[in-house]
Protein backbone atom coordinates (compact mmCIF):
# COMPACT_ATOMS: atom_id res chain seq x y z
CA MET A 1 6.10 -41.51 44.77
CA ARG A 2 4.65 -41.29 41.13
CA ASP A 3 1.22 -42.66 40.58
CA ARG A 4 1.67 -46.53 39.51
CA LEU A 5 -0.27 -47.38 36.11
CA THR A 6 -3.07 -49.17 36.49
CA GLU A 7 -3.89 -52.21 34.15
CA GLY A 8 -4.70 -51.60 30.56
CA GLN A 9 -3.29 -48.22 30.88
CA ARG A 10 -1.35 -47.02 28.22
CA GLY A 11 2.53 -46.42 27.91
CA TYR A 12 5.86 -47.35 27.23
CA VAL A 13 8.97 -48.84 27.80
CA ILE A 14 13.16 -47.34 26.75
CA GLU A 15 14.68 -50.94 25.24
CA ASP A 16 18.02 -50.99 23.26
CA GLY A 17 17.43 -47.37 23.19
CA ARG A 18 14.23 -47.16 21.31
CA LYS A 19 10.66 -46.78 22.82
CA LYS A 20 8.38 -49.47 22.73
CA ARG A 21 4.50 -48.76 22.90
CA GLY A 22 1.99 -50.93 24.69
CA ALA A 23 -0.40 -51.73 27.68
CA VAL A 24 0.00 -52.63 30.95
CA LYS A 25 -1.46 -56.11 31.35
CA VAL A 26 -0.79 -56.57 35.08
CA ALA A 27 0.35 -54.64 38.02
CA GLN A 28 2.64 -56.44 39.82
CA PRO A 29 4.05 -55.73 43.36
CA LYS A 30 7.41 -54.00 41.79
CA GLY A 31 6.71 -53.83 38.33
CA TYR A 32 4.70 -54.45 35.10
CA LEU A 33 3.36 -57.52 33.36
CA PHE A 34 3.69 -54.88 29.88
CA HIS A 35 2.50 -56.22 26.82
CA VAL A 36 4.79 -54.20 23.94
CA ASP A 37 2.54 -54.12 21.03
CA GLY A 38 3.73 -56.50 17.69
CA GLU A 39 4.65 -58.69 20.53
CA GLU A 40 3.43 -62.18 20.99
CA GLU A 41 3.54 -62.46 24.66
CA ALA A 42 3.34 -59.31 27.97
CA ARG A 43 6.98 -59.47 29.16
CA HIS A 44 7.61 -58.25 33.03
CA PHE A 45 9.47 -54.72 33.39
CA SER A 46 10.50 -52.95 36.64
CA GLU A 47 8.24 -50.10 37.55
CA LYS A 48 11.16 -47.68 36.87
CA LYS A 49 10.85 -48.92 33.38
CA VAL A 50 7.35 -48.26 32.26
CA LYS A 51 6.31 -45.01 31.59
CA ALA A 52 2.61 -43.56 31.11
CA ASP A 53 2.46 -41.91 28.13
CA ARG A 54 1.63 -38.17 28.29
CA PRO A 55 -1.58 -36.98 27.94
CA ALA A 56 -2.48 -35.25 24.78
CA LYS A 57 -2.20 -31.35 24.42
CA ALA A 58 -5.62 -29.82 24.69
CA LYS A 59 -5.73 -27.98 21.34
CA ARG A 60 -6.00 -24.19 21.75
CA PRO A 61 -8.75 -22.44 20.59
CA ALA A 62 -9.24 -20.50 17.47
CA ARG A 63 -8.06 -16.94 17.45
CA ALA A 64 -10.27 -14.40 16.92
CA PRO A 65 -10.11 -12.56 13.34
CA ALA A 66 -7.58 -9.65 13.27
CA ALA A 67 -9.92 -6.27 13.83
CA ALA A 68 -8.37 -5.08 10.59
CA SER A 69 -9.34 -7.05 7.76
CA LEU A 70 -8.95 -5.52 3.70
CA LYS A 71 -11.15 -6.75 1.51
CA ILE A 72 -11.24 -5.75 -1.97
CA ASP A 73 -14.74 -4.50 -3.32
CA GLY A 74 -16.93 -4.07 -6.41
CA PRO A 75 -18.50 -0.99 -7.85
CA ALA A 76 -19.16 0.60 -4.32
CA LEU A 77 -16.15 1.87 -4.21
CA ALA A 78 -14.80 4.68 -6.94
CA PRO A 79 -12.21 3.68 -9.17
CA ARG A 80 -8.34 2.28 -8.23
CA GLN A 81 -9.41 2.12 -4.42
CA VAL A 82 -9.27 -0.07 -1.70
CA ARG A 83 -11.81 -1.09 1.13
CA VAL A 84 -9.51 -1.19 4.54
CA GLU A 85 -12.03 -2.37 7.72
CA VAL A 86 -11.12 -1.34 10.61
CA GLY A 87 -13.46 -2.56 13.63
CA THR A 88 -16.89 -1.20 13.18
CA ARG A 89 -15.34 1.50 10.81
CA ALA A 90 -14.76 1.62 6.79
CA LEU A 91 -11.76 3.51 5.43
CA ALA A 92 -11.02 3.95 1.93
CA ARG A 93 -7.18 4.61 0.55
CA PRO A 94 -6.24 4.84 -2.98
CA GLU A 95 -4.08 2.73 -3.93
CA ALA A 96 -0.22 2.98 -5.27
CA PRO A 97 0.77 5.64 -7.70
CA ALA A 98 0.45 4.56 -11.60
CA GLU A 99 3.60 4.06 -13.16
CA SER A 100 4.32 4.84 -16.65
CA GLU A 101 8.38 4.78 -18.05
CA ALA A 102 7.13 5.91 -21.28
CA TYR A 103 5.32 9.08 -19.59
CA LEU A 104 8.83 9.81 -17.90
CA ALA A 105 10.37 9.41 -21.33
CA TRP A 106 8.59 11.81 -23.07
CA VAL A 107 8.54 14.12 -19.90
CA ARG A 108 12.38 14.25 -20.66
CA LEU A 109 12.30 15.82 -23.67
CA GLY A 110 11.20 18.88 -22.37
CA GLU A 111 12.51 22.07 -21.55
CA CYS A 112 12.47 23.23 -17.80
CA ILE A 113 9.44 24.81 -16.80
CA ASN A 114 10.40 27.12 -14.62
CA PRO A 115 10.12 30.88 -16.55
CA GLY A 116 13.61 32.42 -17.19
CA CYS A 117 15.55 28.88 -17.13
CA HIS A 118 16.21 27.80 -20.72
CA ASN A 119 18.13 24.36 -19.48
CA GLY A 120 16.82 21.05 -21.04
CA PRO A 121 16.51 18.69 -22.55
CA PRO A 122 16.94 16.49 -21.55
CA CYS A 123 15.25 17.30 -17.54
CA ASP A 124 14.26 15.23 -14.60
CA PRO A 125 10.51 14.22 -14.33
CA HIS A 126 9.52 15.81 -11.07
CA HIS A 127 6.76 14.03 -9.05
CA GLU A 128 5.11 16.66 -6.88
CA ASP A 129 2.88 15.58 -3.99
CA ALA A 130 -0.67 14.74 -5.04
CA LYS A 131 -2.49 17.42 -2.72
CA LEU A 132 -1.20 19.52 -5.54
CA VAL A 133 -4.10 19.12 -7.20
CA GLN A 134 -6.47 17.24 -4.59
CA LYS A 135 -6.54 18.82 -1.24
CA GLY A 136 -6.29 16.28 1.85
CA VAL A 137 -4.71 13.68 -0.09
CA SER A 138 -0.72 13.07 0.71
CA GLN A 139 0.37 10.60 -1.56
CA THR A 140 3.48 10.85 -4.39
CA ALA A 141 1.45 12.11 -7.57
CA PRO A 142 1.23 8.79 -10.18
CA ASP A 143 4.35 9.26 -13.25
CA HIS A 144 1.60 10.76 -15.51
CA MET A 145 1.25 13.91 -13.13
CA THR A 146 4.73 15.18 -13.64
CA VAL A 147 6.36 18.37 -15.31
CA SER A 148 9.77 18.92 -16.57
CA LEU A 149 12.49 20.40 -14.27
CA CYS A 150 16.53 20.97 -15.15
CA ARG A 151 18.94 19.33 -12.89
CA THR A 152 19.42 22.61 -11.29
CA CYS A 153 15.96 23.52 -10.52
CA HIS A 154 15.11 20.35 -9.36
CA THR A 155 17.89 20.22 -6.89
CA VAL A 156 17.32 23.70 -5.56
CA TYR A 157 13.39 22.55 -4.93
CA THR A 158 13.47 19.49 -3.95
CA GLY A 159 16.33 21.14 -1.29
CA ILE A 160 20.21 21.59 -1.49
CA PRO A 161 22.45 21.51 1.68
CA GLY A 162 22.08 24.70 3.42
CA LYS A 163 18.59 25.92 1.70
CA ARG A 164 15.18 24.51 2.58
CA GLY A 165 13.28 22.57 -0.46
CA GLY A 166 9.93 23.59 -1.70
CA CYS A 167 10.49 26.68 -3.90
CA LEU A 168 12.06 27.21 -6.75
CA PRO A 169 14.48 29.21 -8.08
CA ASP A 170 14.24 32.66 -9.74
CA PRO A 171 16.78 32.63 -12.92
CA GLU A 172 16.19 36.62 -13.58
CA ALA A 173 16.87 37.53 -10.17
CA THR A 174 19.55 34.96 -9.92
CA ARG A 175 21.72 36.42 -12.82
CA GLN A 176 20.64 39.77 -11.72
CA GLU A 177 21.69 39.45 -7.75
CA LYS A 178 24.69 36.69 -8.62
CA ARG A 179 23.76 34.50 -5.91
CA LEU A 180 20.69 32.42 -5.50
CA ILE A 181 17.11 33.94 -5.41
CA LEU A 182 14.41 31.77 -4.37
CA ARG A 183 10.64 32.47 -5.90
CA SER A 184 7.79 32.01 -3.14
CA ARG A 185 6.59 28.78 -2.67
CA GLU A 186 2.93 30.52 -3.62
CA GLU A 187 4.91 31.66 -7.34
CA THR A 188 6.05 28.06 -7.21
CA LEU A 189 3.16 26.24 -6.99
CA ALA A 190 1.47 28.42 -9.31
CA ILE A 191 3.96 27.55 -12.06
CA LEU A 192 3.80 24.02 -11.33
CA ARG A 193 -0.37 23.81 -11.79
CA ARG A 194 -0.18 25.54 -14.88
CA ALA A 195 2.72 23.14 -16.22
CA LEU A 196 0.85 20.25 -15.43
CA ASP A 197 -2.52 21.50 -16.69
CA GLU A 198 -0.21 22.09 -19.74
CA ARG A 199 1.68 18.87 -19.77
CA MET A 200 -1.46 17.01 -19.37
CA THR A 201 -3.24 18.89 -22.08
CA ARG A 202 -0.52 18.39 -24.74
CA ALA A 203 -0.22 14.57 -24.05
CA LEU A 204 -4.16 14.29 -24.52
CA ALA A 205 -3.62 16.02 -27.79
CA LEU A 206 -1.00 13.77 -29.09
CA LEU A 207 -3.18 10.69 -28.66
CA PRO A 208 -5.95 8.97 -31.00
CA GLN A 209 -9.56 10.47 -30.35
CA ALA A 210 -10.44 7.16 -29.36
CA TRP A 211 -8.35 7.37 -26.54
CA ARG A 212 -9.19 11.09 -25.81
CA VAL A 213 -12.75 9.95 -25.53
CA ARG A 214 -12.19 7.31 -23.25
CA VAL A 215 -10.07 9.02 -20.95
CA ALA A 216 -12.20 12.25 -21.44
CA ALA A 217 -15.19 10.28 -20.46
CA ARG A 218 -13.96 8.56 -17.06
CA ALA A 219 -12.24 11.83 -16.58
CA LEU A 220 -16.05 13.45 -16.13
CA ALA A 221 -17.42 10.20 -14.29
CA MET A 222 -14.95 11.18 -11.21
CA VAL A 223 -16.09 15.25 -10.63
CA PRO A 224 -18.54 15.09 -8.29
CA GLU A 225 -22.03 16.22 -9.51
CA ALA A 226 -22.26 19.69 -7.87
CA GLU A 227 -19.29 20.48 -9.30
CA LEU A 228 -19.75 19.34 -12.70
CA ARG A 229 -23.00 21.39 -12.86
CA ALA A 230 -21.37 24.71 -11.52
CA ALA A 231 -18.62 24.34 -14.04
CA LEU A 232 -21.28 23.56 -17.17
CA LEU A 233 -24.02 25.33 -16.23
CA GLY A 234 -22.92 27.73 -13.56
CA GLU A 235 -24.85 26.60 -10.85
CA ARG A 236 -23.99 27.49 -7.24
CA GLY A 237 -24.92 25.81 -4.10
CA ASP A 238 -28.62 25.87 -4.35
CA GLU A 239 -29.10 28.81 -7.34
CA THR A 240 -30.47 26.95 -10.35
CA THR A 241 -29.53 28.37 -14.06
CA THR A 242 -32.88 27.66 -16.47
CA THR A 243 -31.74 27.19 -19.99
CA GLY A 244 -33.83 26.82 -23.16
CA ALA A 245 -37.12 27.86 -21.40
CA THR A 246 -39.51 28.45 -23.77
């Protein structure tokens, strides 16, 4: 048996297919004298027709902030880095690789960088993994770190059915043996590094002087101080070189 409504308690009745809200004016033995909102006088309704309003649902407590939050910091971080906070740790990760259709179009105009292969242009711009030049970084290289490979060398390097990728073909040995001969991984990486250095150096030489200075200044600012001293002053570890002493 359900609890009866008390005088003054809010509720509603269903009449003519509509829900009409109001309040109990008098609780009678077999029903209620119910005053519908907006009407002048209260009316009698059977106990089954009068229903109490449902209590308001308690608001859920606000959720705690997620453990990982993404914040973009200012000068404290190196250029083009995003700070990711996970719990109490903070990790810095590089942003998406830079893109440049102009640079890719220029790379396509070059000859294949694989020695002994004289195919091209046009060539495919090959994106080597960024760890080719920076250990510990596994990320697709930006468009500015691409080299020219003809379609044949590019296909062999990235992998063909039945062959494992990661090595360039040896054109001279392939012509002599009349079958596909691959270079070693070490020789392949040396070719790619040399070609990448030559291609980027040539690109910088084609830029106006003002841009060359700006690019070089930014690049030098990214080199760790210890490596800069070793390269420019010949200092290694705790050793120091005194220059210009009088």
